[in-house]
Amino acid sequence: MISNSIVIMPEISSFYGIVIYMYYKEHQPPHFHVWYNEYQCEITIKDGIITGQLPRRAARLVFEWLDLHYDELMENWNRSERKEALLKIEPLK
């Protein structure tokens, strides 16, 4: 069960003005949400399909981060399905 202390849209990482969220009660396939300035998109974890808009440079940074943290993203997806608190993921440096 989600406690009151768990936000429905937790931020799991941020870097270079890019903020990464993963929501609870989400649809398949496993994915995360990206906010960058006025842009918002959803990116699937397994195959990197973007739904929405993101500038090319920001997308490159997000994909670099995704490659580095694939296992952690899948673990967070599984945690969200179990309604457990999501873990912060190291930002891109």
PDB file of N, CA and C in Angstrom:
ATOM      1  N   MET A   1       0.842  -1.177   0.000  1.00  0.00           N
ATOM      2  CA  MET A   1       0.000   0.000   0.000  1.00  0.00           C
ATOM      3  C   MET A   1       0.889   1.242   0.000  1.00  0.00           C
ATOM      4  N   ILE A   2       0.502   2.252  -0.730  1.00  0.00           N
ATOM      5  CA  ILE A   2       1.255   3.501  -0.791  1.00  0.00           C
ATOM      6  C   ILE A   2       0.915   4.313   0.454  1.00  0.00           C
ATOM      7  N   SER A   3       1.950   4.674   1.185  1.00  0.00           N
ATOM      8  CA  SER A   3       1.719   5.496   2.374  1.00  0.00           C
ATOM      9  C   SER A   3       1.608   6.955   1.970  1.00  0.00           C
ATOM     10  N   ASN A   4       1.159   7.776   2.899  1.00  0.00           N
ATOM     11  CA  ASN A   4       1.027   9.208   2.615  1.00  0.00           C
ATOM     12  C   ASN A   4       2.372   9.858   2.338  1.00  0.00           C
ATOM     13  N   SER A   5       3.462   9.239   2.783  1.00  0.00           N
ATOM     14  CA  SER A   5       4.778   9.835   2.590  1.00  0.00           C
ATOM     15  C   SER A   5       5.345   9.589   1.193  1.00  0.00           C
ATOM     16  N   ILE A   6       4.738   8.696   0.434  1.00  0.00           N
ATOM     17  CA  ILE A   6       5.223   8.410  -0.913  1.00  0.00           C
ATOM     18  C   ILE A   6       4.450   9.269  -1.907  1.00  0.00           C
ATOM     19  N   VAL A   7       5.164  10.013  -2.685  1.00  0.00           N
ATOM     20  CA  VAL A   7       4.552  10.880  -3.692  1.00  0.00           C
ATOM     21  C   VAL A   7       4.155  10.021  -4.886  1.00  0.00           C
ATOM     22  N   ILE A   8       3.016  10.317  -5.493  1.00  0.00           N
ATOM     23  CA  ILE A   8       2.526   9.552  -6.640  1.00  0.00           C
ATOM     24  C   ILE A   8       3.433   9.740  -7.861  1.00  0.00           C
ATOM     25  N   MET A   9       4.162  10.839  -7.924  1.00  0.00           N
ATOM     26  CA  MET A   9       5.043  11.131  -9.053  1.00  0.00           C
ATOM     27  C   MET A   9       6.446  11.442  -8.523  1.00  0.00           C
ATOM     28  N   PRO A  10       7.141  10.450  -7.942  1.00  0.00           N
ATOM     29  CA  PRO A  10       8.444  10.766  -7.359  1.00  0.00           C
ATOM     30  C   PRO A  10       9.527  11.057  -8.397  1.00  0.00           C
ATOM     31  N   GLU A  11      10.333  12.043  -8.064  1.00  0.00           N
ATOM     32  CA  GLU A  11      11.520  12.355  -8.865  1.00  0.00           C
ATOM     33  C   GLU A  11      12.580  11.333  -8.503  1.00  0.00           C
ATOM     34  N   ILE A  12      13.124  10.647  -9.503  1.00  0.00           N
ATOM     35  CA  ILE A  12      14.149   9.651  -9.203  1.00  0.00           C
ATOM     36  C   ILE A  12      15.554  10.114  -9.579  1.00  0.00           C
ATOM     37  N   SER A  13      15.663  11.160 -10.404  1.00  0.00           N
ATOM     38  CA  SER A  13      16.983  11.694 -10.739  1.00  0.00           C
ATOM     39  C   SER A  13      16.815  13.048 -11.431  1.00  0.00           C
ATOM     40  N   SER A  14      17.882  13.833 -11.416  1.00  0.00           N
ATOM     41  CA  SER A  14      17.906  15.075 -12.189  1.00  0.00           C
ATOM     42  C   SER A  14      19.345  15.434 -12.508  1.00  0.00           C
ATOM     43  N   PHE A  15      19.540  15.985 -13.683  1.00  0.00           N
ATOM     44  CA  PHE A  15      20.872  16.373 -14.145  1.00  0.00           C
ATOM     45  C   PHE A  15      20.727  17.326 -15.321  1.00  0.00           C
ATOM     46  N   TYR A  16      21.583  18.341 -15.370  1.00  0.00           N
ATOM     47  CA  TYR A  16      21.619  19.307 -16.477  1.00  0.00           C
ATOM     48  C   TYR A  16      20.245  19.901 -16.809  1.00  0.00           C
ATOM     49  N   GLY A  17      19.425  20.123 -15.797  1.00  0.00           N
ATOM     50  CA  GLY A  17      18.100  20.691 -16.008  1.00  0.00           C
ATOM     51  C   GLY A  17      17.048  19.677 -16.428  1.00  0.00           C
ATOM     52  N   ILE A  18      17.434  18.427 -16.546  1.00  0.00           N
ATOM     53  CA  ILE A  18      16.529  17.335 -16.919  1.00  0.00           C
ATOM     54  C   ILE A  18      16.062  16.665 -15.637  1.00  0.00           C
ATOM     55  N   VAL A  19      14.756  16.459 -15.501  1.00  0.00           N
ATOM     56  CA  VAL A  19      14.217  15.808 -14.310  1.00  0.00           C
ATOM     57  C   VAL A  19      13.522  14.522 -14.740  1.00  0.00           C
ATOM     58  N   ILE A  20      13.855  13.435 -14.043  1.00  0.00           N
ATOM     59  CA  ILE A  20      13.318  12.111 -14.362  1.00  0.00           C
ATOM     60  C   ILE A  20      12.334  11.707 -13.269  1.00  0.00           C
ATOM     61  N   TYR A  21      11.141  11.300 -13.684  1.00  0.00           N
ATOM     62  CA  TYR A  21      10.095  10.847 -12.773  1.00  0.00           C
ATOM     63  C   TYR A  21       9.670   9.437 -13.146  1.00  0.00           C
ATOM     64  N   MET A  22       9.185   8.720 -12.162  1.00  0.00           N
ATOM     65  CA  MET A  22       8.522   7.446 -12.417  1.00  0.00           C
ATOM     66  C   MET A  22       7.261   7.450 -11.565  1.00  0.00           C
ATOM     67  N   TYR A  23       6.140   7.209 -12.197  1.00  0.00           N
ATOM     68  CA  TYR A  23       4.856   7.289 -11.508  1.00  0.00           C
ATOM     69  C   TYR A  23       4.442   5.931 -10.944  1.00  0.00           C
ATOM     70  N   TYR A  24       3.566   5.980  -9.964  1.00  0.00           N
ATOM     71  CA  TYR A  24       2.892   4.779  -9.480  1.00  0.00           C
ATOM     72  C   TYR A  24       1.639   4.574 -10.328  1.00  0.00           C
ATOM     73  N   LYS A  25       1.122   3.355 -10.306  1.00  0.00           N
ATOM     74  CA  LYS A  25      -0.117   3.007 -11.030  1.00  0.00           C
ATOM     75  C   LYS A  25       0.020   3.325 -12.522  1.00  0.00           C
ATOM     76  N   GLU A  26       1.105   2.911 -13.116  1.00  0.00           N
ATOM     77  CA  GLU A  26       1.364   3.204 -14.529  1.00  0.00           C
ATOM     78  C   GLU A  26       1.038   2.012 -15.418  1.00  0.00           C
ATOM     79  N   HIS A  27       0.907   2.294 -16.689  1.00  0.00           N
ATOM     80  CA  HIS A  27       0.628   1.299 -17.712  1.00  0.00           C
ATOM     81  C   HIS A  27       1.929   0.679 -18.197  1.00  0.00           C
ATOM     82  N   GLN A  28       1.822  -0.465 -18.819  1.00  0.00           N
ATOM     83  CA  GLN A  28       2.959  -1.116 -19.461  1.00  0.00           C
ATOM     84  C   GLN A  28       3.205  -0.424 -20.805  1.00  0.00           C
ATOM     85  N   PRO A  29       4.343  -0.505 -21.409  1.00  0.00           N
ATOM     86  CA  PRO A  29       5.566  -1.157 -20.957  1.00  0.00           C
ATOM     87  C   PRO A  29       6.298  -0.296 -19.924  1.00  0.00           C
ATOM     88  N   PRO A  30       7.293  -0.884 -19.235  1.00  0.00           N
ATOM     89  CA  PRO A  30       8.065  -0.111 -18.254  1.00  0.00           C
ATOM     90  C   PRO A  30       8.659   1.144 -18.897  1.00  0.00           C
ATOM     91  N   HIS A  31       8.484   2.281 -18.229  1.00  0.00           N
ATOM     92  CA  HIS A  31       8.940   3.555 -18.781  1.00  0.00           C
ATOM     93  C   HIS A  31       9.145   4.561 -17.654  1.00  0.00           C
ATOM     94  N   PHE A  32       9.697   5.707 -18.026  1.00  0.00           N
ATOM     95  CA  PHE A  32       9.846   6.815 -17.090  1.00  0.00           C
ATOM     96  C   PHE A  32       9.486   8.098 -17.829  1.00  0.00           C
ATOM     97  N   HIS A  33       9.303   9.157 -17.061  1.00  0.00           N
ATOM     98  CA  HIS A  33       8.911  10.448 -17.619  1.00  0.00           C
ATOM     99  C   HIS A  33      10.068  11.428 -17.494  1.00  0.00           C
ATOM    100  N   VAL A  34      10.212  12.270 -18.496  1.00  0.00           N
ATOM    101  CA  VAL A  34      11.287  13.263 -18.537  1.00  0.00           C
ATOM    102  C   VAL A  34      10.666  14.646 -18.704  1.00  0.00           C
ATOM    103  N   TRP A  35      11.099  15.559 -17.864  1.00  0.00           N
ATOM    104  CA  TRP A  35      10.720  16.965 -17.996  1.00  0.00           C
ATOM    105  C   TRP A  35      12.003  17.763 -18.206  1.00  0.00           C
ATOM    106  N   TYR A  36      11.997  18.603 -19.216  1.00  0.00           N
ATOM    107  CA  TYR A  36      13.138  19.478 -19.503  1.00  0.00           C
ATOM    108  C   TYR A  36      12.591  20.788 -20.049  1.00  0.00           C
ATOM    109  N   ASN A  37      12.729  21.849 -19.267  1.00  0.00           N
ATOM    110  CA  ASN A  37      12.137  23.148 -19.622  1.00  0.00           C
ATOM    111  C   ASN A  37      10.663  22.961 -19.970  1.00  0.00           C
ATOM    112  N   GLU A  38      10.251  23.355 -21.162  1.00  0.00           N
ATOM    113  CA  GLU A  38       8.843  23.221 -21.529  1.00  0.00           C
ATOM    114  C   GLU A  38       8.524  21.871 -22.181  1.00  0.00           C
ATOM    115  N   TYR A  39       9.507  20.991 -22.275  1.00  0.00           N
ATOM    116  CA  TYR A  39       9.331  19.690 -22.922  1.00  0.00           C
ATOM    117  C   TYR A  39       8.999  18.605 -21.906  1.00  0.00           C
ATOM    118  N   GLN A  40       8.152  17.688 -22.326  1.00  0.00           N
ATOM    119  CA  GLN A  40       7.830  16.512 -21.520  1.00  0.00           C
ATOM    120  C   GLN A  40       7.729  15.318 -22.450  1.00  0.00           C
ATOM    121  N   CYS A  41       8.228  14.187 -21.975  1.00  0.00           N
ATOM    122  CA  CYS A  41       8.092  12.972 -22.759  1.00  0.00           C
ATOM    123  C   CYS A  41       8.113  11.763 -21.840  1.00  0.00           C
ATOM    124  N   GLU A  42       7.823  10.638 -22.430  1.00  0.00           N
ATOM    125  CA  GLU A  42       7.862   9.349 -21.767  1.00  0.00           C
ATOM    126  C   GLU A  42       8.838   8.503 -22.580  1.00  0.00           C
ATOM    127  N   ILE A  43       9.703   7.741 -21.901  1.00  0.00           N
ATOM    128  CA  ILE A  43      10.679   6.908 -22.607  1.00  0.00           C
ATOM    129  C   ILE A  43      10.594   5.492 -22.064  1.00  0.00           C
ATOM    130  N   THR A  44      10.429   4.515 -22.964  1.00  0.00           N
ATOM    131  CA  THR A  44      10.393   3.129 -22.530  1.00  0.00           C
ATOM    132  C   THR A  44      11.802   2.694 -22.129  1.00  0.00           C
ATOM    133  N   ILE A  45      11.867   1.901 -21.072  1.00  0.00           N
ATOM    134  CA  ILE A  45      13.163   1.503 -20.531  1.00  0.00           C
ATOM    135  C   ILE A  45      13.852   0.488 -21.440  1.00  0.00           C
ATOM    136  N   LYS A  46      13.118  -0.478 -21.924  1.00  0.00           N
ATOM    137  CA  LYS A  46      13.744  -1.571 -22.681  1.00  0.00           C
ATOM    138  C   LYS A  46      14.176  -1.199 -24.086  1.00  0.00           C
ATOM    139  N   ASP A  47      13.387  -0.368 -24.773  1.00  0.00           N
ATOM    140  CA  ASP A  47      13.743  -0.075 -26.159  1.00  0.00           C
ATOM    141  C   ASP A  47      13.897   1.400 -26.491  1.00  0.00           C
ATOM    142  N   GLY A  48      13.775   2.275 -25.493  1.00  0.00           N
ATOM    143  CA  GLY A  48      14.057   3.691 -25.696  1.00  0.00           C
ATOM    144  C   GLY A  48      13.116   4.439 -26.615  1.00  0.00           C
ATOM    145  N   ILE A  49      11.883   4.010 -26.708  1.00  0.00           N
ATOM    146  CA  ILE A  49      10.913   4.718 -27.552  1.00  0.00           C
ATOM    147  C   ILE A  49      10.437   5.970 -26.817  1.00  0.00           C
ATOM    148  N   ILE A  50      10.521   7.099 -27.499  1.00  0.00           N
ATOM    149  CA  ILE A  50      10.097   8.384 -26.924  1.00  0.00           C
ATOM    150  C   ILE A  50       8.683   8.696 -27.387  1.00  0.00           C
ATOM    151  N   THR A  51       7.823   9.022 -26.430  1.00  0.00           N
ATOM    152  CA  THR A  51       6.489   9.525 -26.721  1.00  0.00           C
ATOM    153  C   THR A  51       6.444  10.941 -26.165  1.00  0.00           C
ATOM    154  N   GLY A  52       6.270  11.908 -27.016  1.00  0.00           N
ATOM    155  CA  GLY A  52       6.343  13.302 -26.609  1.00  0.00           C
ATOM    156  C   GLY A  52       7.530  13.958 -27.288  1.00  0.00           C
ATOM    157  N   GLN A  53       7.960  15.092 -26.750  1.00  0.00           N
ATOM    158  CA  GLN A  53       9.058  15.822 -27.375  1.00  0.00           C
ATOM    159  C   GLN A  53      10.169  16.097 -26.387  1.00  0.00           C
ATOM    160  N   LEU A  54      11.380  16.033 -26.888  1.00  0.00           N
ATOM    161  CA  LEU A  54      12.573  16.324 -26.113  1.00  0.00           C
ATOM    162  C   LEU A  54      13.649  16.772 -27.100  1.00  0.00           C
ATOM    163  N   PRO A  55      14.336  17.880 -26.835  1.00  0.00           N
ATOM    164  CA  PRO A  55      15.398  18.307 -27.754  1.00  0.00           C
ATOM    165  C   PRO A  55      16.454  17.206 -27.915  1.00  0.00           C
ATOM    166  N   ARG A  56      17.046  17.149 -29.076  1.00  0.00           N
ATOM    167  CA  ARG A  56      18.021  16.101 -29.404  1.00  0.00           C
ATOM    168  C   ARG A  56      19.152  16.006 -28.380  1.00  0.00           C
ATOM    169  N   ARG A  57      19.720  17.133 -27.963  1.00  0.00           N
ATOM    170  CA  ARG A  57      20.831  17.116 -27.007  1.00  0.00           C
ATOM    171  C   ARG A  57      20.380  16.526 -25.666  1.00  0.00           C
ATOM    172  N   ALA A  58      19.212  16.924 -25.185  1.00  0.00           N
ATOM    173  CA  ALA A  58      18.682  16.388 -23.928  1.00  0.00           C
ATOM    174  C   ALA A  58      18.399  14.897 -24.076  1.00  0.00           C
ATOM    175  N   ALA A  59      17.865  14.484 -25.215  1.00  0.00           N
ATOM    176  CA  ALA A  59      17.585  13.062 -25.448  1.00  0.00           C
ATOM    177  C   ALA A  59      18.868  12.248 -25.398  1.00  0.00           C
ATOM    178  N   ARG A  60      19.943  12.762 -25.996  1.00  0.00           N
ATOM    179  CA  ARG A  60      21.228  12.045 -25.952  1.00  0.00           C
ATOM    180  C   ARG A  60      21.694  11.847 -24.514  1.00  0.00           C
ATOM    181  N   LEU A  61      21.558  12.888 -23.693  1.00  0.00           N
ATOM    182  CA  LEU A  61      21.954  12.785 -22.287  1.00  0.00           C
ATOM    183  C   LEU A  61      21.093  11.765 -21.540  1.00  0.00           C
ATOM    184  N   VAL A  62      19.802  11.792 -21.794  1.00  0.00           N
ATOM    185  CA  VAL A  62      18.900  10.839 -21.132  1.00  0.00           C
ATOM    186  C   VAL A  62      19.227   9.414 -21.556  1.00  0.00           C
ATOM    187  N   PHE A  63      19.506   9.179 -22.824  1.00  0.00           N
ATOM    188  CA  PHE A  63      19.841   7.823 -23.269  1.00  0.00           C
ATOM    189  C   PHE A  63      21.172   7.353 -22.701  1.00  0.00           C
ATOM    190  N   GLU A  64      22.122   8.259 -22.559  1.00  0.00           N
ATOM    191  CA  GLU A  64      23.389   7.900 -21.916  1.00  0.00           C
ATOM    192  C   GLU A  64      23.119   7.469 -20.467  1.00  0.00           C
ATOM    193  N   TRP A  65      22.294   8.231 -19.764  1.00  0.00           N
ATOM    194  CA  TRP A  65      21.917   7.915 -18.383  1.00  0.00           C
ATOM    195  C   TRP A  65      21.158   6.591 -18.316  1.00  0.00           C
ATOM    196  N   LEU A  66      20.224   6.379 -19.237  1.00  0.00           N
ATOM    197  CA  LEU A  66      19.461   5.135 -19.293  1.00  0.00           C
ATOM    198  C   LEU A  66      20.392   3.933 -19.454  1.00  0.00           C
ATOM    199  N   ASP A  67      21.360   4.023 -20.350  1.00  0.00           N
ATOM    200  CA  ASP A  67      22.305   2.921 -20.548  1.00  0.00           C
ATOM    201  C   ASP A  67      23.077   2.597 -19.273  1.00  0.00           C
ATOM    202  N   LEU A  68      23.432   3.633 -18.529  1.00  0.00           N
ATOM    203  CA  LEU A  68      24.193   3.424 -17.286  1.00  0.00           C
ATOM    204  C   LEU A  68      23.344   2.852 -16.159  1.00  0.00           C
ATOM    205  N   HIS A  69      22.053   3.123 -16.172  1.00  0.00           N
ATOM    206  CA  HIS A  69      21.201   2.794 -15.023  1.00  0.00           C
ATOM    207  C   HIS A  69      20.010   1.906 -15.376  1.00  0.00           C
ATOM    208  N   TYR A  70      20.142   1.137 -16.434  1.00  0.00           N
ATOM    209  CA  TYR A  70      19.048   0.262 -16.881  1.00  0.00           C
ATOM    210  C   TYR A  70      18.531  -0.625 -15.743  1.00  0.00           C
ATOM    211  N   ASP A  71      19.425  -1.334 -15.061  1.00  0.00           N
ATOM    212  CA  ASP A  71      19.006  -2.266 -14.006  1.00  0.00           C
ATOM    213  C   ASP A  71      18.299  -1.541 -12.864  1.00  0.00           C
ATOM    214  N   GLU A  72      18.792  -0.363 -12.504  1.00  0.00           N
ATOM    215  CA  GLU A  72      18.161   0.410 -11.432  1.00  0.00           C
ATOM    216  C   GLU A  72      16.774   0.899 -11.842  1.00  0.00           C
ATOM    217  N   LEU A  73      16.625   1.274 -13.112  1.00  0.00           N
ATOM    218  CA  LEU A  73      15.315   1.695 -13.605  1.00  0.00           C
ATOM    219  C   LEU A  73      14.315   0.547 -13.571  1.00  0.00           C
ATOM    220  N   MET A  74      14.756  -0.641 -13.984  1.00  0.00           N
ATOM    221  CA  MET A  74      13.860  -1.796 -13.935  1.00  0.00           C
ATOM    222  C   MET A  74      13.511  -2.155 -12.489  1.00  0.00           C
ATOM    223  N   GLU A  75      14.469  -2.039 -11.595  1.00  0.00           N
ATOM    224  CA  GLU A  75      14.184  -2.290 -10.178  1.00  0.00           C
ATOM    225  C   GLU A  75      13.153  -1.290  -9.658  1.00  0.00           C
ATOM    226  N   ASN A  76      13.294  -0.027 -10.001  1.00  0.00           N
ATOM    227  CA  ASN A  76      12.310   0.971  -9.587  1.00  0.00           C
ATOM    228  C   ASN A  76      10.941   0.680 -10.195  1.00  0.00           C
ATOM    229  N   TRP A  77      10.908   0.241 -11.457  1.00  0.00           N
ATOM    230  CA  TRP A  77       9.624  -0.101 -12.076  1.00  0.00           C
ATOM    231  C   TRP A  77       8.953  -1.219 -11.267  1.00  0.00           C
ATOM    232  N   ASN A  78       9.732  -2.241 -10.919  1.00  0.00           N
ATOM    233  CA  ASN A  78       9.189  -3.350 -10.129  1.00  0.00           C
ATOM    234  C   ASN A  78       8.731  -2.872  -8.752  1.00  0.00           C
ATOM    235  N   ARG A  79       9.496  -1.984  -8.146  1.00  0.00           N
ATOM    236  CA  ARG A  79       9.107  -1.422  -6.857  1.00  0.00           C
ATOM    237  C   ARG A  79       7.799  -0.640  -6.972  1.00  0.00           C
ATOM    238  N   SER A  80       7.644   0.106  -8.067  1.00  0.00           N
ATOM    239  CA  SER A  80       6.408   0.882  -8.238  1.00  0.00           C
ATOM    240  C   SER A  80       5.203  -0.040  -8.378  1.00  0.00           C
ATOM    241  N   GLU A  81       5.383  -1.160  -9.052  1.00  0.00           N
ATOM    242  CA  GLU A  81       4.277  -2.114  -9.187  1.00  0.00           C
ATOM    243  C   GLU A  81       3.898  -2.731  -7.842  1.00  0.00           C
ATOM    244  N   ARG A  82       4.894  -2.867  -6.951  1.00  0.00           N
ATOM    245  CA  ARG A  82       4.630  -3.398  -5.606  1.00  0.00           C
ATOM    246  C   ARG A  82       4.227  -2.284  -4.637  1.00  0.00           C
ATOM    247  N   LYS A  83       4.151  -1.064  -5.151  1.00  0.00           N
ATOM    248  CA  LYS A  83       3.796   0.117  -4.355  1.00  0.00           C
ATOM    249  C   LYS A  83       4.798   0.374  -3.232  1.00  0.00           C
ATOM    250  N   GLU A  84       6.068   0.147  -3.537  1.00  0.00           N
ATOM    251  CA  GLU A  84       7.157   0.421  -2.610  1.00  0.00           C
ATOM    252  C   GLU A  84       7.806   1.754  -2.986  1.00  0.00           C
ATOM    253  N   ALA A  85       8.471   2.346  -2.019  1.00  0.00           N
ATOM    254  CA  ALA A  85       9.169   3.609  -2.282  1.00  0.00           C
ATOM    255  C   ALA A  85      10.220   3.406  -3.371  1.00  0.00           C
ATOM    256  N   LEU A  86      10.315   4.386  -4.266  1.00  0.00           N
ATOM    257  CA  LEU A  86      11.308   4.321  -5.330  1.00  0.00           C
ATOM    258  C   LEU A  86      12.637   4.863  -4.829  1.00  0.00           C
ATOM    259  N   LEU A  87      13.702   4.319  -5.392  1.00  0.00           N
ATOM    260  CA  LEU A  87      15.050   4.720  -5.002  1.00  0.00           C
ATOM    261  C   LEU A  87      15.565   5.815  -5.929  1.00  0.00           C
ATOM    262  N   LYS A  88      16.316   6.732  -5.368  1.00  0.00           N
ATOM    263  CA  LYS A  88      16.976   7.756  -6.188  1.00  0.00           C
ATOM    264  C   LYS A  88      18.055   7.077  -7.027  1.00  0.00           C
ATOM    265  N   ILE A  89      18.261   7.586  -8.240  1.00  0.00           N
ATOM    266  CA  ILE A  89      19.278   7.058  -9.131  1.00  0.00           C
ATOM    267  C   ILE A  89      20.296   8.155  -9.397  1.00  0.00           C
ATOM    268  N   GLU A  90      21.540   7.771  -9.357  1.00  0.00           N
ATOM    269  CA  GLU A  90      22.654   8.701  -9.545  1.00  0.00           C
ATOM    270  C   GLU A  90      22.468   9.522 -10.824  1.00  0.00           C
ATOM    271  N   PRO A  91      22.657  10.828 -10.756  1.00  0.00           N
ATOM    272  CA  PRO A  91      22.539  11.657 -11.966  1.00  0.00           C
ATOM    273  C   PRO A  91      23.713  11.433 -12.911  1.00  0.00           C
ATOM    274  N   LEU A  92      23.550  11.846 -14.138  1.00  0.00           N
ATOM    275  CA  LEU A  92      24.625  11.810 -15.112  1.00  0.00           C
ATOM    276  C   LEU A  92      25.630  12.889 -14.740  1.00  0.00           C
ATOM    277  N   LYS A  93      26.889  12.559 -14.777  1.00  0.00           N
ATOM    278  CA  LYS A  93      27.938  13.523 -14.418  1.00  0.00           C
ATOM    279  C   LYS A  93      28.842  13.809 -15.583  1.00  0.00           C
TER     280      LYS A  93
END
